[in-house]
Amino acid sequence: MLGLLLLQVLASCLWLGHSEVVKNFETCPQFFYAGTTPNDALNPKKPAWICQRFRNLYHYATLYDRVRKIPVYSAYKYQPVEKKRPQGWWFVEPQLIDENLNLKDMETESLLIKQHKITLDDIKESQAVLDDYRGLKDLVHGHLSPSGHMDDTVSKMATFTLTNIVPQNKSLNDGQWRVYEHKTMSENTKGCTTTYVITGAVAEYTTVDEERVKTPSHIWSAACCLVNEEPRKAWGAIAENDKNEVEELSLGKLEERLTKLYGRTVTLFNNACPRK
């Protein structure tokens, strides 16, 4: 009996040790209103559920497409604080390389290669790398969970991981999408106690480099605003990735649009969030 108990404890410890790349975000439900994640319509063929961890804290959650090597969406709480954009480096997710790596936080490519005897090819098998984004033409690193929506320097740094990035049209990223992220979101969230956000990308079949990283056809975002603990309003936005235009619409209309794009019925938030 004691031996069986010890085995159960050991199995539990092993599971907890690998909890950052998980299933259904059971380790970080706090980034979804009422713990309700988008339905399976958005799931790619080879998904990875990532609780984005940096410096021993979770900062947001990402559903990652291992085949297209871009995130499907990132979910977070909107908590903007005016601080200088952090200067630093880009991270990758070690547990996408090997679940048995005893590395819970995101790390840089150089650290993994120098200190943990991991090759660049090992990293490239599971995710995008820095080389994939070098020499982009009319495309830039497009954050799904933007640093400007985070509440402290560490959280802002945590958004600079390639598992949170898609190739985004430069004019859109620097233009109307930036207006939406900074001005529109600030106006829409006035009076909100908590705002939950899910921002995603619809993958297309064009590529950035050697058919590795897919360029999205659309970028979209949805938000659900709570006053105290009650959902009071919700909204969405969508943009074609080759145009500097953002369409603002209701949550319900955004879900309808995504349903057509994905070919499956899409539900983004808990049913309590208003659709009209």
Protein backbone atom coordinates (compact mmCIF):
# COMPACT_ATOMS: atom_id res chain seq x y z
CA MET A 1 0.00 0.00 0.00
CA LEU A 2 2.80 2.43 0.88
CA GLY A 3 4.59 1.61 -2.37
CA LEU A 4 1.43 2.33 -4.38
CA LEU A 5 1.01 5.66 -2.59
CA LEU A 6 4.59 6.63 -3.36
CA LEU A 7 4.07 5.80 -7.04
CA GLN A 8 0.97 7.99 -7.13
CA VAL A 9 2.82 10.88 -5.52
CA LEU A 10 5.72 10.47 -7.96
CA ALA A 11 3.37 10.45 -10.95
CA SER A 12 1.67 13.58 -9.66
CA CYS A 13 5.01 15.37 -9.26
CA LEU A 14 6.08 14.41 -12.75
CA TRP A 15 2.84 15.79 -14.20
CA LEU A 16 3.19 19.07 -12.32
CA GLY A 17 6.75 19.40 -13.49
CA HIS A 18 5.56 19.50 -17.10
CA SER A 19 2.56 21.73 -16.62
CA GLU A 20 3.52 24.72 -18.78
CA VAL A 21 2.67 22.99 -22.07
CA VAL A 22 -0.69 21.55 -21.10
CA LYS A 23 -4.12 20.63 -22.43
CA ASN A 24 -7.13 22.89 -22.16
CA PHE A 25 -5.20 25.46 -20.12
CA GLU A 26 -6.00 23.78 -16.81
CA THR A 27 -2.88 25.35 -15.32
CA CYS A 28 -3.77 28.94 -16.22
CA PRO A 29 -7.58 29.35 -16.47
CA GLN A 30 -7.34 32.86 -15.00
CA PHE A 31 -6.81 34.34 -18.47
CA PHE A 32 -10.28 33.27 -19.63
CA TYR A 33 -13.56 34.66 -18.29
CA ALA A 34 -15.13 32.04 -15.99
CA GLY A 35 -12.34 29.68 -17.09
CA THR A 36 -14.13 29.17 -20.43
CA THR A 37 -11.75 28.77 -23.37
CA PRO A 38 -12.68 29.09 -27.06
CA ASN A 39 -14.27 25.95 -28.41
CA ASP A 40 -12.40 23.31 -30.39
CA ALA A 41 -13.24 24.91 -33.76
CA LEU A 42 -9.98 26.86 -33.56
CA ASN A 43 -7.80 23.85 -32.73
CA PRO A 44 -5.17 23.07 -35.40
CA LYS A 45 -4.10 19.54 -36.34
CA LYS A 46 -1.10 19.62 -33.98
CA PRO A 47 -1.94 22.05 -31.17
CA ALA A 48 0.12 23.06 -28.17
CA TRP A 49 -1.56 24.70 -25.19
CA ILE A 50 0.99 27.01 -23.56
CA CYS A 51 0.67 28.76 -20.21
CA GLN A 52 3.21 31.47 -20.97
CA ARG A 53 5.58 31.49 -18.04
CA PHE A 54 8.48 33.86 -17.41
CA ARG A 55 10.39 34.43 -14.17
CA ASN A 56 8.20 31.94 -12.31
CA LEU A 57 4.91 33.66 -13.17
CA TYR A 58 2.18 33.06 -15.75
CA HIS A 59 1.42 36.12 -17.90
CA TYR A 60 -1.03 34.91 -20.58
CA ALA A 61 -2.09 31.77 -22.45
CA THR A 62 -1.43 30.74 -26.06
CA LEU A 63 -2.82 28.06 -28.36
CA TYR A 64 0.05 27.30 -30.73
CA ASP A 65 0.02 25.60 -34.14
CA ARG A 66 3.04 23.29 -34.33
CA VAL A 67 2.62 22.79 -38.09
CA ARG A 68 2.13 26.39 -39.23
CA LYS A 69 4.50 27.55 -36.47
CA ILE A 70 2.41 30.51 -35.40
CA PRO A 71 -0.02 31.01 -32.52
CA VAL A 72 -3.72 30.50 -33.19
CA TYR A 73 -4.56 32.91 -30.38
CA SER A 74 -3.30 34.38 -27.13
CA ALA A 75 -5.60 35.15 -24.19
CA TYR A 76 -4.89 37.66 -21.44
CA LYS A 77 -6.30 40.29 -19.12
CA TYR A 78 -6.13 43.85 -20.40
CA GLN A 79 -4.06 45.71 -17.80
CA PRO A 80 -2.17 48.50 -19.61
CA VAL A 81 0.46 50.45 -17.73
CA GLU A 82 2.42 53.27 -19.35
CA LYS A 83 5.98 52.02 -19.29
CA LYS A 84 8.74 52.07 -21.85
CA ARG A 85 8.71 49.15 -24.26
CA PRO A 86 11.32 46.70 -22.93
CA GLN A 87 14.54 46.34 -24.84
CA GLY A 88 15.70 42.79 -24.92
CA TRP A 89 15.60 39.53 -26.80
CA TRP A 90 13.17 37.04 -28.30
CA PHE A 91 12.27 33.82 -26.49
CA VAL A 92 11.22 30.33 -27.53
CA GLU A 93 9.35 27.64 -25.60
CA PRO A 94 11.67 24.83 -24.39
CA GLN A 95 8.86 22.39 -23.61
CA LEU A 96 7.73 22.41 -27.23
CA ILE A 97 11.13 20.90 -27.98
CA ASP A 98 10.96 18.20 -25.30
CA GLU A 99 8.44 17.88 -22.47
CA ASN A 100 11.14 16.22 -20.38
CA LEU A 101 13.34 19.30 -20.33
CA ASN A 102 13.47 20.67 -16.81
CA LEU A 103 12.92 24.21 -18.11
CA LYS A 104 9.60 25.73 -17.15
CA ASP A 105 10.18 29.30 -18.32
CA MET A 106 10.57 30.56 -21.87
CA GLU A 107 14.25 30.90 -22.84
CA THR A 108 16.41 32.38 -25.60
CA GLU A 109 17.70 30.28 -28.46
CA SER A 110 21.31 31.07 -27.53
CA LEU A 111 20.90 29.90 -23.94
CA LEU A 112 19.31 26.62 -25.01
CA ILE A 113 22.09 25.98 -27.52
CA LYS A 114 25.01 26.97 -25.29
CA GLN A 115 23.90 25.65 -21.90
CA HIS A 116 21.56 22.76 -22.64
CA LYS A 117 23.14 21.14 -25.72
CA ILE A 118 20.05 21.73 -27.85
CA THR A 119 20.63 22.38 -31.56
CA LEU A 120 18.91 25.00 -33.66
CA ASP A 121 17.40 22.18 -35.72
CA ASP A 122 15.88 20.76 -32.51
CA ILE A 123 14.17 24.08 -31.86
CA LYS A 124 13.05 24.49 -35.49
CA GLU A 125 11.21 21.18 -35.46
CA SER A 126 8.64 22.45 -32.97
CA GLN A 127 8.36 26.22 -33.48
CA ALA A 128 9.49 29.37 -35.26
CA VAL A 129 13.03 30.65 -34.72
CA LEU A 130 14.71 34.02 -35.17
CA ASP A 131 15.95 33.14 -38.67
CA ASP A 132 12.35 32.74 -39.85
CA TYR A 133 11.70 36.43 -39.22
CA ARG A 134 14.91 37.86 -40.66
CA GLY A 135 14.69 39.75 -43.92
CA LEU A 136 10.90 39.98 -43.96
CA LYS A 137 9.45 42.02 -46.81
CA ASP A 138 6.53 44.25 -45.76
CA LEU A 139 5.99 42.03 -42.69
CA VAL A 140 6.90 42.53 -39.03
CA HIS A 141 6.65 40.68 -35.72
CA GLY A 142 2.95 41.00 -34.86
CA HIS A 143 2.17 40.44 -31.17
CA LEU A 144 -1.10 38.71 -30.35
CA SER A 145 -0.70 39.52 -26.66
CA PRO A 146 0.84 43.01 -26.95
CA SER A 147 3.37 44.36 -24.50
CA GLY A 148 1.38 47.58 -24.24
CA HIS A 149 -1.53 45.73 -22.63
CA MET A 150 0.58 44.35 -19.77
CA ASP A 151 0.87 45.81 -16.27
CA ASP A 152 4.59 45.56 -15.48
CA THR A 153 8.01 45.23 -17.08
CA VAL A 154 8.29 41.46 -16.57
CA SER A 155 4.89 40.83 -18.16
CA LYS A 156 5.81 43.09 -21.06
CA MET A 157 9.04 41.15 -21.58
CA ALA A 158 7.08 37.89 -21.58
CA THR A 159 5.21 38.93 -24.72
CA PHE A 160 8.46 38.82 -26.70
CA THR A 161 8.33 35.12 -27.45
CA LEU A 162 8.04 33.69 -30.95
CA THR A 163 5.10 31.58 -29.77
CA ASN A 164 3.14 34.86 -29.39
CA ILE A 165 4.13 36.30 -32.80
CA VAL A 166 2.72 36.14 -36.33
CA PRO A 167 4.02 37.75 -39.54
CA GLN A 168 1.86 40.88 -39.73
CA ASN A 169 1.60 43.43 -42.51
CA LYS A 170 3.82 46.36 -41.51
CA SER A 171 1.38 49.07 -42.54
CA LEU A 172 -1.41 47.37 -40.56
CA ASN A 173 0.78 46.77 -37.51
CA ASP A 174 2.03 50.36 -37.46
CA GLY A 175 -1.29 51.82 -38.57
CA GLN A 176 -4.90 50.91 -37.85
CA TRP A 177 -4.14 47.85 -35.72
CA ARG A 178 -2.00 50.02 -33.46
CA VAL A 179 -4.88 52.53 -33.26
CA TYR A 180 -7.19 49.70 -32.21
CA GLU A 181 -4.77 48.30 -29.62
CA HIS A 182 -4.03 51.63 -27.99
CA LYS A 183 -6.84 54.12 -28.62
CA THR A 184 -9.94 51.99 -29.25
CA MET A 185 -9.22 49.52 -26.45
CA SER A 186 -8.61 52.38 -24.02
CA GLU A 187 -11.94 53.98 -24.92
CA ASN A 188 -13.92 50.72 -24.93
CA THR A 189 -12.67 49.62 -21.52
CA LYS A 190 -13.61 52.77 -19.62
CA GLY A 191 -15.61 51.72 -16.57
CA CYS A 192 -14.58 48.06 -16.87
CA THR A 193 -13.32 46.38 -13.71
CA THR A 194 -11.75 43.51 -15.67
CA THR A 195 -11.44 42.98 -19.42
CA TYR A 196 -10.61 39.58 -20.89
CA VAL A 197 -9.07 39.57 -24.37
CA ILE A 198 -8.48 36.86 -26.95
CA THR A 199 -6.47 37.86 -30.03
CA GLY A 200 -5.83 35.49 -32.89
CA ALA A 201 -4.78 34.93 -36.48
CA VAL A 202 -6.39 32.97 -39.29
CA ALA A 203 -3.63 30.96 -40.94
CA GLU A 204 -3.26 30.97 -44.71
CA TYR A 205 -1.12 28.87 -46.99
CA THR A 206 1.43 31.50 -47.99
CA THR A 207 4.73 31.29 -46.15
CA VAL A 208 7.55 33.46 -44.87
CA ASP A 209 10.51 31.15 -45.36
CA GLU A 210 10.81 27.69 -46.91
CA GLU A 211 7.19 26.87 -46.07
CA ARG A 212 7.92 27.01 -42.37
CA VAL A 213 6.05 29.97 -40.88
CA LYS A 214 2.58 30.71 -42.25
CA THR A 215 1.45 34.26 -42.93
CA PRO A 216 -2.08 34.83 -41.59
CA SER A 217 -4.84 36.04 -43.88
CA HIS A 218 -6.60 37.83 -41.01
CA ILE A 219 -5.82 39.19 -37.54
CA TRP A 220 -8.71 39.38 -35.07
CA SER A 221 -9.39 40.28 -31.45
CA ALA A 222 -12.30 39.93 -29.02
CA ALA A 223 -12.90 41.39 -25.57
CA CYS A 224 -15.38 40.84 -22.74
CA CYS A 225 -15.77 43.65 -20.18
CA LEU A 226 -16.82 42.97 -16.59
CA VAL A 227 -18.11 45.57 -14.17
CA ASN A 228 -17.34 44.10 -10.78
CA GLU A 229 -18.00 40.44 -11.65
CA GLU A 230 -20.77 40.86 -14.23
CA PRO A 231 -20.15 40.85 -18.02
CA ARG A 232 -21.61 44.14 -19.26
CA LYS A 233 -20.37 44.45 -22.84
CA ALA A 234 -18.20 42.75 -25.43
CA TRP A 235 -16.80 43.61 -28.83
CA GLY A 236 -14.52 42.44 -31.58
CA ALA A 237 -12.24 43.58 -34.37
CA ILE A 238 -10.90 41.94 -37.52
CA ALA A 239 -8.46 42.97 -40.24
CA GLU A 240 -7.25 41.46 -43.49
CA ASN A 241 -3.50 41.10 -43.19
CA ASP A 242 -2.77 42.79 -46.52
CA LYS A 243 -4.77 45.98 -45.81
CA ASN A 244 -4.41 48.82 -43.33
CA GLU A 245 -8.06 48.61 -42.24
CA VAL A 246 -9.68 47.36 -39.04
CA GLU A 247 -13.39 46.53 -38.86
CA GLU A 248 -14.97 46.87 -35.42
CA LEU A 249 -18.00 44.69 -34.75
CA SER A 250 -19.96 42.93 -32.02
CA LEU A 251 -18.68 39.74 -30.44
CA GLY A 252 -21.50 37.80 -32.08
CA LYS A 253 -20.68 39.17 -35.54
CA LEU A 254 -16.99 38.39 -35.06
CA GLU A 255 -17.82 34.80 -34.13
CA GLU A 256 -19.98 34.56 -37.26
CA ARG A 257 -17.14 35.90 -39.40
CA LEU A 258 -14.65 33.47 -37.88
CA THR A 259 -17.12 30.61 -38.37
CA LYS A 260 -17.05 31.32 -42.12
CA LEU A 261 -13.25 31.66 -42.21
CA TYR A 262 -12.57 28.47 -40.23
CA GLY A 263 -15.48 26.49 -41.69
CA ARG A 264 -16.56 25.46 -38.17
CA THR A 265 -18.81 27.09 -35.57
CA VAL A 266 -16.62 29.35 -33.43
CA THR A 267 -17.38 30.35 -29.83
CA LEU A 268 -14.79 32.58 -28.17
CA PHE A 269 -16.16 33.46 -24.73
CA ASN A 270 -18.43 32.17 -21.99
CA ASN A 271 -22.09 32.59 -22.99
CA ALA A 272 -22.58 35.31 -20.37
CA CYS A 273 -20.56 37.77 -22.50
CA PRO A 274 -23.00 39.82 -24.65
CA ARG A 275 -23.05 38.88 -28.34
CA LYS A 276 -24.95 41.93 -29.67
